[in-house]
Amino acid sequence: MSKDLSASSLQIKTARLKLIPCPLDVAEASIFNPSRVGEILGSAVPEDWQKTEVQDFLPIYAQMLVDDPTKLGWGVWLMIQTQENSLIGDLGFGGKPDESGSLEMGYEVFAAYRNQGYGFEAVKALVDWAFSHLELKRLIAHCPNDNLASIRILEKLGMERLILVEVPELPDKKVWKWQLVNQQVKI
């Protein structure tokens, strides 16, 4: 069984970033009234936010939080660059761990902030948090074989490239499945 997540454990700070789980009101504003997202967050929100892959998941995520508010932290997290107080990307999990103790994760950094180390900084912080706060055996990521920046992040994290998989949303791409095993938990 996973530990309960308290509100105080749901903010992660790094040298340049603040990571927060996407609250229900931000998810709903992104869907129904995007101009309110910055006001609710108290941060600048570039237009890139409305073009991210996570936008397709936000309706599902918002319903997940409506149905069970304790799932905050198990879905979308927001990457806020603290110096500019600006939303620069998103990352997170695909729900609670499955019966094997595995949890899917993903991430995206807006184009203007890529190649500056933000992706690794954010993903490393969230991975460290997940392994220390959740009873989690492994994290899983999927990455197209042509996304070299993302592959570098996964390699720096110490993730292991497992197998090529078919991803229906990316029919023309070769996608690798990666895993990182929690060394503190016996598998």
N, C-alpha and C. Protein backbone atom coordinates (compact mmCIF):
# COMPACT_ATOMS: atom_id res chain seq x y z
N MET A 1 0.84 -1.18 0.00
CA MET A 1 0.00 0.00 0.00
C MET A 1 0.89 1.24 0.00
N SER A 2 0.50 2.26 -0.73
CA SER A 2 1.27 3.49 -0.81
C SER A 2 0.98 4.40 0.37
N LYS A 3 1.95 5.23 0.65
CA LYS A 3 1.80 6.20 1.72
C LYS A 3 0.80 7.27 1.31
N ASP A 4 0.11 7.86 2.30
CA ASP A 4 -0.76 8.99 2.00
C ASP A 4 0.10 10.19 1.67
N LEU A 5 -0.32 10.98 0.72
CA LEU A 5 0.42 12.16 0.33
C LEU A 5 -0.21 13.37 0.99
N SER A 6 0.57 14.06 1.81
CA SER A 6 0.05 15.27 2.45
C SER A 6 0.38 16.47 1.58
N ALA A 7 -0.38 17.55 1.77
CA ALA A 7 -0.18 18.76 0.97
C ALA A 7 1.25 19.27 1.11
N SER A 8 1.81 19.18 2.31
CA SER A 8 3.16 19.71 2.52
C SER A 8 4.22 18.90 1.78
N SER A 9 3.94 17.64 1.50
CA SER A 9 4.92 16.82 0.78
C SER A 9 4.78 16.96 -0.73
N LEU A 10 3.85 17.78 -1.17
CA LEU A 10 3.56 17.86 -2.59
C LEU A 10 4.14 19.08 -3.28
N GLN A 11 5.20 19.63 -2.76
CA GLN A 11 5.92 20.68 -3.47
C GLN A 11 7.39 20.32 -3.40
N ILE A 12 8.03 20.35 -4.54
CA ILE A 12 9.44 19.99 -4.63
C ILE A 12 10.20 21.20 -5.14
N LYS A 13 11.25 21.58 -4.42
CA LYS A 13 12.07 22.72 -4.85
C LYS A 13 13.46 22.22 -5.23
N THR A 14 13.97 22.75 -6.33
CA THR A 14 15.33 22.47 -6.77
C THR A 14 16.05 23.81 -6.84
N ALA A 15 17.27 23.81 -7.34
CA ALA A 15 18.04 25.05 -7.44
C ALA A 15 17.33 26.10 -8.28
N ARG A 16 16.62 25.67 -9.33
CA ARG A 16 16.00 26.65 -10.24
C ARG A 16 14.51 26.45 -10.45
N LEU A 17 13.95 25.41 -9.87
CA LEU A 17 12.57 25.06 -10.17
C LEU A 17 11.74 24.82 -8.92
N LYS A 18 10.45 24.99 -9.11
CA LYS A 18 9.46 24.55 -8.13
C LYS A 18 8.54 23.61 -8.89
N LEU A 19 8.36 22.41 -8.37
CA LEU A 19 7.46 21.43 -8.98
C LEU A 19 6.25 21.29 -8.08
N ILE A 20 5.06 21.44 -8.68
CA ILE A 20 3.83 21.30 -7.90
C ILE A 20 2.86 20.41 -8.67
N PRO A 21 2.09 19.59 -7.96
CA PRO A 21 1.08 18.82 -8.67
C PRO A 21 0.02 19.77 -9.21
N CYS A 22 -0.44 19.52 -10.40
CA CYS A 22 -1.42 20.39 -11.05
C CYS A 22 -2.74 20.31 -10.28
N PRO A 23 -3.16 21.43 -9.66
CA PRO A 23 -4.43 21.41 -8.92
C PRO A 23 -5.62 21.31 -9.88
N LEU A 24 -6.73 20.85 -9.35
CA LEU A 24 -7.94 20.69 -10.15
C LEU A 24 -8.34 21.99 -10.83
N ASP A 25 -8.26 23.13 -10.12
CA ASP A 25 -8.70 24.39 -10.73
C ASP A 25 -7.82 24.78 -11.92
N VAL A 26 -6.53 24.46 -11.87
CA VAL A 26 -5.65 24.74 -13.01
C VAL A 26 -5.97 23.81 -14.18
N ALA A 27 -6.21 22.54 -13.89
CA ALA A 27 -6.57 21.59 -14.96
C ALA A 27 -7.86 22.03 -15.63
N GLU A 28 -8.87 22.40 -14.83
CA GLU A 28 -10.15 22.83 -15.40
C GLU A 28 -10.00 24.14 -16.18
N ALA A 29 -9.22 25.07 -15.67
CA ALA A 29 -9.00 26.32 -16.40
C ALA A 29 -8.30 26.05 -17.73
N SER A 30 -7.34 25.14 -17.74
CA SER A 30 -6.64 24.80 -18.99
C SER A 30 -7.60 24.27 -20.03
N ILE A 31 -8.62 23.55 -19.58
CA ILE A 31 -9.60 22.97 -20.49
C ILE A 31 -10.63 24.01 -20.94
N PHE A 32 -11.17 24.77 -19.98
CA PHE A 32 -12.33 25.62 -20.26
C PHE A 32 -12.03 27.11 -20.39
N ASN A 33 -10.96 27.59 -19.77
CA ASN A 33 -10.66 29.03 -19.77
C ASN A 33 -9.15 29.23 -19.62
N PRO A 34 -8.38 28.91 -20.67
CA PRO A 34 -6.92 28.93 -20.57
C PRO A 34 -6.31 30.25 -20.09
N SER A 35 -6.98 31.35 -20.34
CA SER A 35 -6.42 32.64 -19.93
C SER A 35 -6.34 32.78 -18.41
N ARG A 36 -7.05 31.95 -17.66
CA ARG A 36 -7.05 32.03 -16.19
C ARG A 36 -5.92 31.23 -15.53
N VAL A 37 -5.23 30.39 -16.28
CA VAL A 37 -4.22 29.51 -15.68
C VAL A 37 -3.15 30.30 -14.95
N GLY A 38 -2.62 31.34 -15.57
CA GLY A 38 -1.58 32.15 -14.94
C GLY A 38 -2.07 32.84 -13.68
N GLU A 39 -3.28 33.34 -13.72
CA GLU A 39 -3.89 34.00 -12.56
C GLU A 39 -4.01 33.01 -11.39
N ILE A 40 -4.48 31.82 -11.66
CA ILE A 40 -4.65 30.81 -10.61
C ILE A 40 -3.30 30.38 -10.05
N LEU A 41 -2.33 30.16 -10.94
CA LEU A 41 -1.00 29.72 -10.51
C LEU A 41 -0.19 30.83 -9.86
N GLY A 42 -0.48 32.07 -10.25
CA GLY A 42 0.36 33.17 -9.79
C GLY A 42 1.70 33.17 -10.50
N SER A 43 1.72 32.63 -11.72
CA SER A 43 2.94 32.52 -12.52
C SER A 43 2.63 32.88 -13.96
N ALA A 44 3.68 33.28 -14.68
CA ALA A 44 3.53 33.51 -16.11
C ALA A 44 3.31 32.16 -16.79
N VAL A 45 2.42 32.13 -17.78
CA VAL A 45 2.12 30.89 -18.50
C VAL A 45 2.25 31.17 -20.00
N PRO A 46 3.32 30.69 -20.62
CA PRO A 46 3.50 30.90 -22.06
C PRO A 46 2.43 30.18 -22.88
N GLU A 47 2.25 30.63 -24.11
CA GLU A 47 1.28 29.99 -25.01
C GLU A 47 1.62 28.52 -25.24
N ASP A 48 2.89 28.16 -25.07
CA ASP A 48 3.30 26.76 -25.25
C ASP A 48 2.47 25.80 -24.41
N TRP A 49 2.00 26.26 -23.26
CA TRP A 49 1.23 25.39 -22.36
C TRP A 49 0.02 24.79 -23.07
N GLN A 50 -0.64 25.57 -23.91
CA GLN A 50 -1.83 25.07 -24.60
C GLN A 50 -1.49 24.13 -25.75
N LYS A 51 -0.21 24.00 -26.09
CA LYS A 51 0.20 23.15 -27.20
C LYS A 51 0.89 21.87 -26.74
N THR A 52 0.94 21.64 -25.44
CA THR A 52 1.66 20.47 -24.92
C THR A 52 0.83 19.20 -25.05
N GLU A 53 1.53 18.08 -25.05
CA GLU A 53 0.87 16.77 -25.14
C GLU A 53 -0.05 16.52 -23.95
N VAL A 54 0.28 17.10 -22.80
CA VAL A 54 -0.51 16.86 -21.59
C VAL A 54 -1.94 17.39 -21.72
N GLN A 55 -2.17 18.31 -22.64
CA GLN A 55 -3.51 18.88 -22.80
C GLN A 55 -4.55 17.79 -23.10
N ASP A 56 -4.14 16.77 -23.84
CA ASP A 56 -5.07 15.67 -24.15
C ASP A 56 -5.42 14.86 -22.90
N PHE A 57 -4.53 14.85 -21.92
CA PHE A 57 -4.73 14.07 -20.70
C PHE A 57 -5.47 14.86 -19.62
N LEU A 58 -5.47 16.19 -19.72
CA LEU A 58 -6.06 17.01 -18.64
C LEU A 58 -7.53 16.71 -18.35
N PRO A 59 -8.40 16.47 -19.33
CA PRO A 59 -9.78 16.12 -18.98
C PRO A 59 -9.87 14.83 -18.15
N ILE A 60 -9.07 13.84 -18.49
CA ILE A 60 -9.04 12.59 -17.72
C ILE A 60 -8.51 12.86 -16.32
N TYR A 61 -7.43 13.64 -16.25
CA TYR A 61 -6.81 13.99 -14.97
C TYR A 61 -7.77 14.77 -14.09
N ALA A 62 -8.45 15.76 -14.66
CA ALA A 62 -9.40 16.56 -13.88
C ALA A 62 -10.51 15.67 -13.32
N GLN A 63 -11.03 14.76 -14.14
CA GLN A 63 -12.07 13.85 -13.65
C GLN A 63 -11.54 12.93 -12.56
N MET A 64 -10.29 12.51 -12.71
CA MET A 64 -9.66 11.67 -11.69
C MET A 64 -9.64 12.39 -10.34
N LEU A 65 -9.31 13.70 -10.35
CA LEU A 65 -9.27 14.48 -9.11
C LEU A 65 -10.66 14.75 -8.56
N VAL A 66 -11.64 14.94 -9.45
CA VAL A 66 -13.03 15.12 -8.99
C VAL A 66 -13.49 13.85 -8.28
N ASP A 67 -13.21 12.70 -8.89
CA ASP A 67 -13.63 11.42 -8.32
C ASP A 67 -12.89 11.08 -7.03
N ASP A 68 -11.60 11.46 -6.96
CA ASP A 68 -10.79 11.12 -5.79
C ASP A 68 -9.69 12.17 -5.60
N PRO A 69 -9.96 13.20 -4.79
CA PRO A 69 -8.98 14.27 -4.58
C PRO A 69 -7.65 13.78 -4.01
N THR A 70 -7.62 12.60 -3.40
CA THR A 70 -6.35 12.09 -2.86
C THR A 70 -5.39 11.64 -3.96
N LYS A 71 -5.84 11.66 -5.21
CA LYS A 71 -4.96 11.29 -6.31
C LYS A 71 -4.07 12.46 -6.76
N LEU A 72 -4.21 13.62 -6.11
CA LEU A 72 -3.30 14.74 -6.39
C LEU A 72 -1.88 14.26 -6.12
N GLY A 73 -1.01 14.45 -7.08
CA GLY A 73 0.36 13.96 -6.96
C GLY A 73 0.62 12.71 -7.78
N TRP A 74 -0.45 12.03 -8.19
CA TRP A 74 -0.33 10.81 -8.99
C TRP A 74 -0.47 11.09 -10.48
N GLY A 75 -0.63 12.33 -10.87
CA GLY A 75 -0.83 12.67 -12.27
C GLY A 75 0.12 13.76 -12.71
N VAL A 76 -0.44 14.86 -13.18
CA VAL A 76 0.31 15.96 -13.78
C VAL A 76 0.98 16.83 -12.70
N TRP A 77 2.24 17.13 -12.92
CA TRP A 77 2.99 18.09 -12.11
C TRP A 77 3.42 19.24 -13.02
N LEU A 78 3.54 20.42 -12.46
CA LEU A 78 3.92 21.61 -13.22
C LEU A 78 5.34 22.02 -12.84
N MET A 79 6.10 22.43 -13.86
CA MET A 79 7.48 22.87 -13.70
C MET A 79 7.49 24.40 -13.75
N ILE A 80 7.80 25.03 -12.64
CA ILE A 80 7.84 26.50 -12.60
C ILE A 80 9.28 26.94 -12.37
N GLN A 81 9.79 27.74 -13.31
CA GLN A 81 11.14 28.29 -13.18
C GLN A 81 11.06 29.44 -12.18
N THR A 82 11.79 29.33 -11.07
CA THR A 82 11.58 30.26 -9.96
C THR A 82 12.10 31.67 -10.24
N GLN A 83 13.20 31.83 -10.95
CA GLN A 83 13.73 33.17 -11.19
C GLN A 83 12.75 34.02 -11.99
N GLU A 84 12.14 33.43 -13.02
CA GLU A 84 11.16 34.15 -13.85
C GLU A 84 9.73 33.96 -13.35
N ASN A 85 9.53 33.04 -12.41
CA ASN A 85 8.19 32.65 -11.96
C ASN A 85 7.30 32.34 -13.16
N SER A 86 7.82 31.42 -13.99
CA SER A 86 7.14 31.07 -15.23
C SER A 86 6.99 29.56 -15.36
N LEU A 87 5.83 29.13 -15.83
CA LEU A 87 5.60 27.73 -16.15
C LEU A 87 6.45 27.38 -17.37
N ILE A 88 7.30 26.36 -17.24
CA ILE A 88 8.20 26.03 -18.35
C ILE A 88 8.03 24.59 -18.85
N GLY A 89 7.13 23.85 -18.25
CA GLY A 89 6.92 22.48 -18.69
C GLY A 89 6.04 21.71 -17.73
N ASP A 90 5.88 20.44 -18.02
CA ASP A 90 5.09 19.57 -17.15
C ASP A 90 5.74 18.20 -17.11
N LEU A 91 5.39 17.46 -16.10
CA LEU A 91 5.87 16.11 -15.93
C LEU A 91 4.91 15.39 -15.02
N GLY A 92 5.12 14.13 -14.80
CA GLY A 92 4.24 13.45 -13.87
C GLY A 92 4.08 11.98 -14.14
N PHE A 93 3.03 11.45 -13.53
CA PHE A 93 2.77 10.02 -13.52
C PHE A 93 1.43 9.72 -14.19
N GLY A 94 1.28 8.48 -14.61
CA GLY A 94 0.04 8.05 -15.25
C GLY A 94 -0.92 7.38 -14.29
N GLY A 95 -1.00 7.87 -13.07
CA GLY A 95 -1.88 7.28 -12.06
C GLY A 95 -1.08 6.58 -10.99
N LYS A 96 -1.76 5.84 -10.15
CA LYS A 96 -1.08 5.12 -9.07
C LYS A 96 -0.34 3.91 -9.64
N PRO A 97 0.64 3.38 -8.89
CA PRO A 97 1.38 2.21 -9.37
C PRO A 97 0.46 1.02 -9.63
N ASP A 98 0.86 0.19 -10.60
CA ASP A 98 0.09 -1.02 -10.88
C ASP A 98 0.40 -2.09 -9.83
N GLU A 99 -0.18 -3.27 -9.99
CA GLU A 99 -0.02 -4.34 -9.00
C GLU A 99 1.42 -4.81 -8.84
N SER A 100 2.27 -4.56 -9.84
CA SER A 100 3.68 -4.95 -9.73
C SER A 100 4.53 -3.87 -9.07
N GLY A 101 3.91 -2.74 -8.73
CA GLY A 101 4.66 -1.64 -8.10
C GLY A 101 5.33 -0.73 -9.12
N SER A 102 4.89 -0.79 -10.38
CA SER A 102 5.46 0.04 -11.44
C SER A 102 4.59 1.26 -11.68
N LEU A 103 5.24 2.35 -12.01
CA LEU A 103 4.55 3.61 -12.26
C LEU A 103 5.13 4.24 -13.51
N GLU A 104 4.25 4.63 -14.42
CA GLU A 104 4.64 5.27 -15.68
C GLU A 104 4.87 6.75 -15.44
N MET A 105 5.92 7.31 -16.04
CA MET A 105 6.16 8.74 -15.93
C MET A 105 6.46 9.35 -17.29
N GLY A 106 6.25 10.66 -17.40
CA GLY A 106 6.54 11.38 -18.62
C GLY A 106 6.88 12.82 -18.29
N TYR A 107 7.38 13.55 -19.27
CA TYR A 107 7.79 14.93 -19.04
C TYR A 107 7.89 15.67 -20.37
N GLU A 108 7.79 16.99 -20.27
CA GLU A 108 7.91 17.86 -21.45
C GLU A 108 8.37 19.23 -20.99
N VAL A 109 9.38 19.77 -21.64
CA VAL A 109 9.88 21.12 -21.37
C VAL A 109 9.55 21.97 -22.59
N PHE A 110 9.03 23.17 -22.35
CA PHE A 110 8.69 24.06 -23.46
C PHE A 110 9.95 24.39 -24.26
N ALA A 111 9.79 24.59 -25.57
CA ALA A 111 10.91 24.76 -26.50
C ALA A 111 11.90 25.83 -26.05
N ALA A 112 11.44 26.96 -25.57
CA ALA A 112 12.34 28.06 -25.18
C ALA A 112 13.24 27.70 -24.00
N TYR A 113 12.91 26.65 -23.28
CA TYR A 113 13.67 26.28 -22.07
C TYR A 113 14.44 24.96 -22.23
N ARG A 114 14.43 24.41 -23.42
CA ARG A 114 15.15 23.16 -23.66
C ARG A 114 16.65 23.40 -23.74
N ASN A 115 17.41 22.34 -23.57
CA ASN A 115 18.88 22.36 -23.65
C ASN A 115 19.51 23.28 -22.62
N GLN A 116 18.84 23.43 -21.47
CA GLN A 116 19.38 24.24 -20.38
C GLN A 116 19.43 23.44 -19.08
N GLY A 117 19.17 22.15 -19.16
CA GLY A 117 19.24 21.29 -17.99
C GLY A 117 17.98 21.24 -17.15
N TYR A 118 16.93 21.95 -17.56
CA TYR A 118 15.70 21.95 -16.76
C TYR A 118 15.01 20.58 -16.75
N GLY A 119 15.04 19.91 -17.88
CA GLY A 119 14.38 18.60 -17.96
C GLY A 119 14.99 17.62 -16.97
N PHE A 120 16.32 17.51 -16.99
CA PHE A 120 16.98 16.59 -16.06
C PHE A 120 16.75 17.02 -14.61
N GLU A 121 16.88 18.30 -14.34
CA GLU A 121 16.69 18.81 -12.98
C GLU A 121 15.30 18.46 -12.44
N ALA A 122 14.29 18.66 -13.26
CA ALA A 122 12.91 18.39 -12.84
C ALA A 122 12.66 16.89 -12.69
N VAL A 123 13.04 16.12 -13.69
CA VAL A 123 12.77 14.69 -13.66
C VAL A 123 13.53 14.02 -12.52
N LYS A 124 14.79 14.40 -12.32
CA LYS A 124 15.57 13.82 -11.21
C LYS A 124 14.91 14.13 -9.88
N ALA A 125 14.46 15.36 -9.69
CA ALA A 125 13.81 15.74 -8.43
C ALA A 125 12.53 14.94 -8.21
N LEU A 126 11.73 14.77 -9.26
CA LEU A 126 10.47 14.03 -9.12
C LEU A 126 10.74 12.54 -8.88
N VAL A 127 11.74 11.99 -9.55
CA VAL A 127 12.10 10.58 -9.35
C VAL A 127 12.58 10.37 -7.91
N ASP A 128 13.47 11.24 -7.44
CA ASP A 128 13.96 11.13 -6.06
C ASP A 128 12.80 11.22 -5.07
N TRP A 129 11.89 12.16 -5.31
CA TRP A 129 10.72 12.33 -4.44
C TRP A 129 9.86 11.06 -4.47
N ALA A 130 9.61 10.54 -5.67
CA ALA A 130 8.74 9.36 -5.80
C ALA A 130 9.33 8.17 -5.06
N PHE A 131 10.63 7.94 -5.21
CA PHE A 131 11.24 6.79 -4.55
C PHE A 131 11.34 6.97 -3.04
N SER A 132 11.35 8.20 -2.55
CA SER A 132 11.44 8.40 -1.11
C SER A 132 10.08 8.56 -0.43
N HIS A 133 9.04 8.92 -1.18
CA HIS A 133 7.72 9.15 -0.59
C HIS A 133 6.68 8.08 -0.91
N LEU A 134 6.94 7.28 -1.91
CA LEU A 134 5.95 6.30 -2.36
C LEU A 134 6.55 4.90 -2.25
N GLU A 135 5.72 3.94 -1.97
CA GLU A 135 6.17 2.55 -1.96
C GLU A 135 6.14 2.06 -3.41
N LEU A 136 7.21 2.34 -4.09
CA LEU A 136 7.29 2.18 -5.53
C LEU A 136 8.47 1.28 -5.86
N LYS A 137 8.26 0.31 -6.75
CA LYS A 137 9.34 -0.61 -7.11
C LYS A 137 10.12 -0.16 -8.34
N ARG A 138 9.40 0.42 -9.30
CA ARG A 138 10.10 0.85 -10.51
C ARG A 138 9.32 1.96 -11.21
N LEU A 139 10.08 2.80 -11.90
CA LEU A 139 9.49 3.82 -12.77
C LEU A 139 9.72 3.39 -14.20
N ILE A 140 8.72 3.61 -15.03
CA ILE A 140 8.77 3.24 -16.45
C ILE A 140 8.61 4.52 -17.27
N ALA A 141 9.38 4.61 -18.35
CA ALA A 141 9.24 5.72 -19.30
C ALA A 141 9.30 5.14 -20.71
N HIS A 142 8.63 5.80 -21.63
CA HIS A 142 8.70 5.44 -23.04
C HIS A 142 9.28 6.63 -23.79
N CYS A 143 10.19 6.36 -24.71
CA CYS A 143 10.87 7.45 -25.41
C CYS A 143 11.15 7.04 -26.85
N PRO A 144 10.72 7.89 -27.81
CA PRO A 144 11.07 7.62 -29.20
C PRO A 144 12.59 7.58 -29.37
N ASN A 145 13.07 6.68 -30.23
CA ASN A 145 14.51 6.52 -30.38
C ASN A 145 15.18 7.72 -31.05
N ASP A 146 14.41 8.66 -31.58
CA ASP A 146 15.00 9.86 -32.19
C ASP A 146 14.96 11.08 -31.26
N ASN A 147 14.48 10.92 -30.04
CA ASN A 147 14.43 12.03 -29.09
C ASN A 147 15.70 11.99 -28.24
N LEU A 148 16.79 12.49 -28.81
CA LEU A 148 18.10 12.36 -28.18
C LEU A 148 18.19 13.09 -26.84
N ALA A 149 17.55 14.25 -26.73
CA ALA A 149 17.60 14.99 -25.46
C ALA A 149 16.93 14.18 -24.34
N SER A 150 15.81 13.59 -24.64
CA SER A 150 15.11 12.78 -23.65
C SER A 150 15.89 11.51 -23.31
N ILE A 151 16.49 10.92 -24.31
CA ILE A 151 17.32 9.73 -24.06
C ILE A 151 18.47 10.08 -23.12
N ARG A 152 19.10 11.25 -23.32
CA ARG A 152 20.18 11.67 -22.42
C ARG A 152 19.69 11.81 -20.99
N ILE A 153 18.48 12.36 -20.81
CA ILE A 153 17.91 12.49 -19.46
C ILE A 153 17.74 11.11 -18.84
N LEU A 154 17.15 10.18 -19.58
CA LEU A 154 16.91 8.84 -19.05
C LEU A 154 18.22 8.13 -18.71
N GLU A 155 19.22 8.30 -19.56
CA GLU A 155 20.53 7.69 -19.29
C GLU A 155 21.18 8.30 -18.05
N LYS A 156 21.12 9.63 -17.93
CA LYS A 156 21.71 10.29 -16.75
C LYS A 156 21.02 9.86 -15.46
N LEU A 157 19.74 9.55 -15.54
CA LEU A 157 19.01 9.07 -14.37
C LEU A 157 19.40 7.64 -14.00
N GLY A 158 20.08 6.96 -14.91
CA GLY A 158 20.44 5.57 -14.67
C GLY A 158 19.37 4.59 -15.10
N MET A 159 18.45 5.05 -15.94
CA MET A 159 17.39 4.16 -16.41
C MET A 159 17.97 3.16 -17.40
N GLU A 160 17.36 2.00 -17.43
CA GLU A 160 17.78 0.91 -18.30
C GLU A 160 16.84 0.82 -19.50
N ARG A 161 17.43 0.80 -20.70
CA ARG A 161 16.64 0.63 -21.92
C ARG A 161 16.26 -0.84 -22.03
N LEU A 162 14.95 -1.12 -22.14
CA LEU A 162 14.49 -2.51 -22.12
C LEU A 162 14.19 -3.07 -23.50
N ILE A 163 13.09 -2.63 -24.10
CA ILE A 163 12.64 -3.21 -25.36
C ILE A 163 11.97 -2.15 -26.22
N LEU A 164 11.94 -2.42 -27.52
CA LEU A 164 11.16 -1.59 -28.44
C LEU A 164 9.69 -1.97 -28.28
N VAL A 165 8.83 -0.97 -28.21
CA VAL A 165 7.40 -1.23 -28.06
C VAL A 165 6.64 -0.43 -29.11
N GLU A 166 5.44 -0.89 -29.41
CA GLU A 166 4.56 -0.15 -30.31
C GLU A 166 3.69 0.77 -29.49
N VAL A 167 3.63 2.03 -29.91
CA VAL A 167 2.78 3.02 -29.25
C VAL A 167 1.78 3.50 -30.29
N PRO A 168 0.48 3.20 -30.10
CA PRO A 168 -0.53 3.54 -31.10
C PRO A 168 -0.52 5.02 -31.49
N GLU A 169 -0.20 5.90 -30.54
CA GLU A 169 -0.20 7.34 -30.82
C GLU A 169 1.00 7.74 -31.68
N LEU A 170 2.02 6.88 -31.77
CA LEU A 170 3.22 7.17 -32.55
C LEU A 170 3.51 6.02 -33.52
N PRO A 171 2.61 5.79 -34.49
CA PRO A 171 2.74 4.61 -35.35
C PRO A 171 4.00 4.61 -36.23
N ASP A 172 4.56 5.77 -36.52
CA ASP A 172 5.72 5.85 -37.40
C ASP A 172 7.04 5.94 -36.65
N LYS A 173 7.01 5.76 -35.33
CA LYS A 173 8.23 5.91 -34.53
C LYS A 173 8.57 4.61 -33.82
N LYS A 174 9.87 4.42 -33.66
CA LYS A 174 10.36 3.34 -32.80
C LYS A 174 10.45 3.92 -31.39
N VAL A 175 9.81 3.26 -30.44
CA VAL A 175 9.76 3.76 -29.07
C VAL A 175 10.36 2.71 -28.14
N TRP A 176 11.28 3.16 -27.30
CA TRP A 176 11.90 2.29 -26.32
C TRP A 176 11.20 2.42 -24.98
N LYS A 177 11.07 1.29 -24.31
CA LYS A 177 10.59 1.27 -22.93
C LYS A 177 11.83 1.27 -22.03
N TRP A 178 11.82 2.14 -21.02
CA TRP A 178 12.92 2.28 -20.08
C TRP A 178 12.40 2.00 -18.67
N GLN A 179 13.29 1.59 -17.78
CA GLN A 179 12.89 1.42 -16.39
C GLN A 179 14.01 1.86 -15.45
N LEU A 180 13.60 2.29 -14.28
CA LEU A 180 14.52 2.59 -13.19
C LEU A 180 13.98 1.86 -11.97
N VAL A 181 14.79 0.98 -11.42
CA VAL A 181 14.37 0.17 -10.27
C VAL A 181 14.74 0.90 -8.99
N ASN A 182 13.81 0.92 -8.05
CA ASN A 182 14.05 1.51 -6.74
C ASN A 182 14.95 0.56 -5.96
N GLN A 183 16.17 0.98 -5.70
CA GLN A 183 17.14 0.12 -5.02
C GLN A 183 16.81 -0.10 -3.55
N GLN A 184 15.89 0.71 -3.01
CA GLN A 184 15.52 0.59 -1.59
C GLN A 184 14.41 -0.43 -1.37
N VAL A 185 13.81 -0.94 -2.43
CA VAL A 185 12.68 -1.86 -2.32
C VAL A 185 13.05 -3.18 -2.99
N LYS A 186 12.79 -4.27 -2.32
CA LYS A 186 13.06 -5.59 -2.92
C LYS A 186 11.97 -5.91 -3.93
N ILE A 187 12.40 -6.43 -5.06
CA ILE A 187 11.45 -6.79 -6.12
C ILE A 187 11.21 -8.28 -6.11
